[in-house]
Amino acid sequence: MNRWLIALALLVPVSVPWILPPTAKSSPATEAALHQPAMNDAIIYTVTLPADLGVPEQEYKCLAQAVYFEARSEPIQGQHAVAEVVLNRVDDARFPDTVCGVVFQNEQRRHRCQFSFACDGRSDKPREQRPWEEARQIAAVVLLGIGGEVTNEATHYHATYVQPYWANRLDRTVQVGQHIFYR
């Protein structure tokens, strides 16, 4: 059974996942280091994620694609936040009720869809292996409900360098990296 080693740093006030590559070998020294507090009161936990996340593989892939294309240059907390927005939309009656439905909503409307990568006319196939693996791990963590709430139930976000028409009509919840989140 394929398993990933994920170290979660539970920080105050927000939980942030720290992720090791799936090829990382565990050693007694690594295990001991993962259990030592680090960074000002952070407590590190080790979690092994099962290959079966309880969701269809395609839904998992769609969430990982959203993380990869929308936030791979963001800190891990920012990537987690983007995945969280997707799941918040799945739970919101105003949006499709599947992860892929949310991520690819209006993909046929060039530059007018929910997630820009889905309708920009470019390939939706990840090209960089390491960020793709990290996006997959973050998607798994968020699907399992690990890492806590980052966005305060946000259903929308945008980059700091744009000002969408809808931003003034929603409640701003938090800024993480280069994204501002709203509900």
Foldseek 3Di string as FASTA:
>chain_A
DQKAKWKWWCDPPFTFTDGDFSPDDDDPVNVVVQQDDDDPPIGIDIDIFDPCLPDDPVLLLLLLLLLLPVPLVFPRLVSLQSSLLLCLQLVDPVFPVTSNRQSQPPLVPACPHQRNVSNPPDDSDDDDPPSSSSSSVSSSCVSNVHTDDRQVSFNHKDFQVDDDPCVVVFAWGDDGGRMTTTD
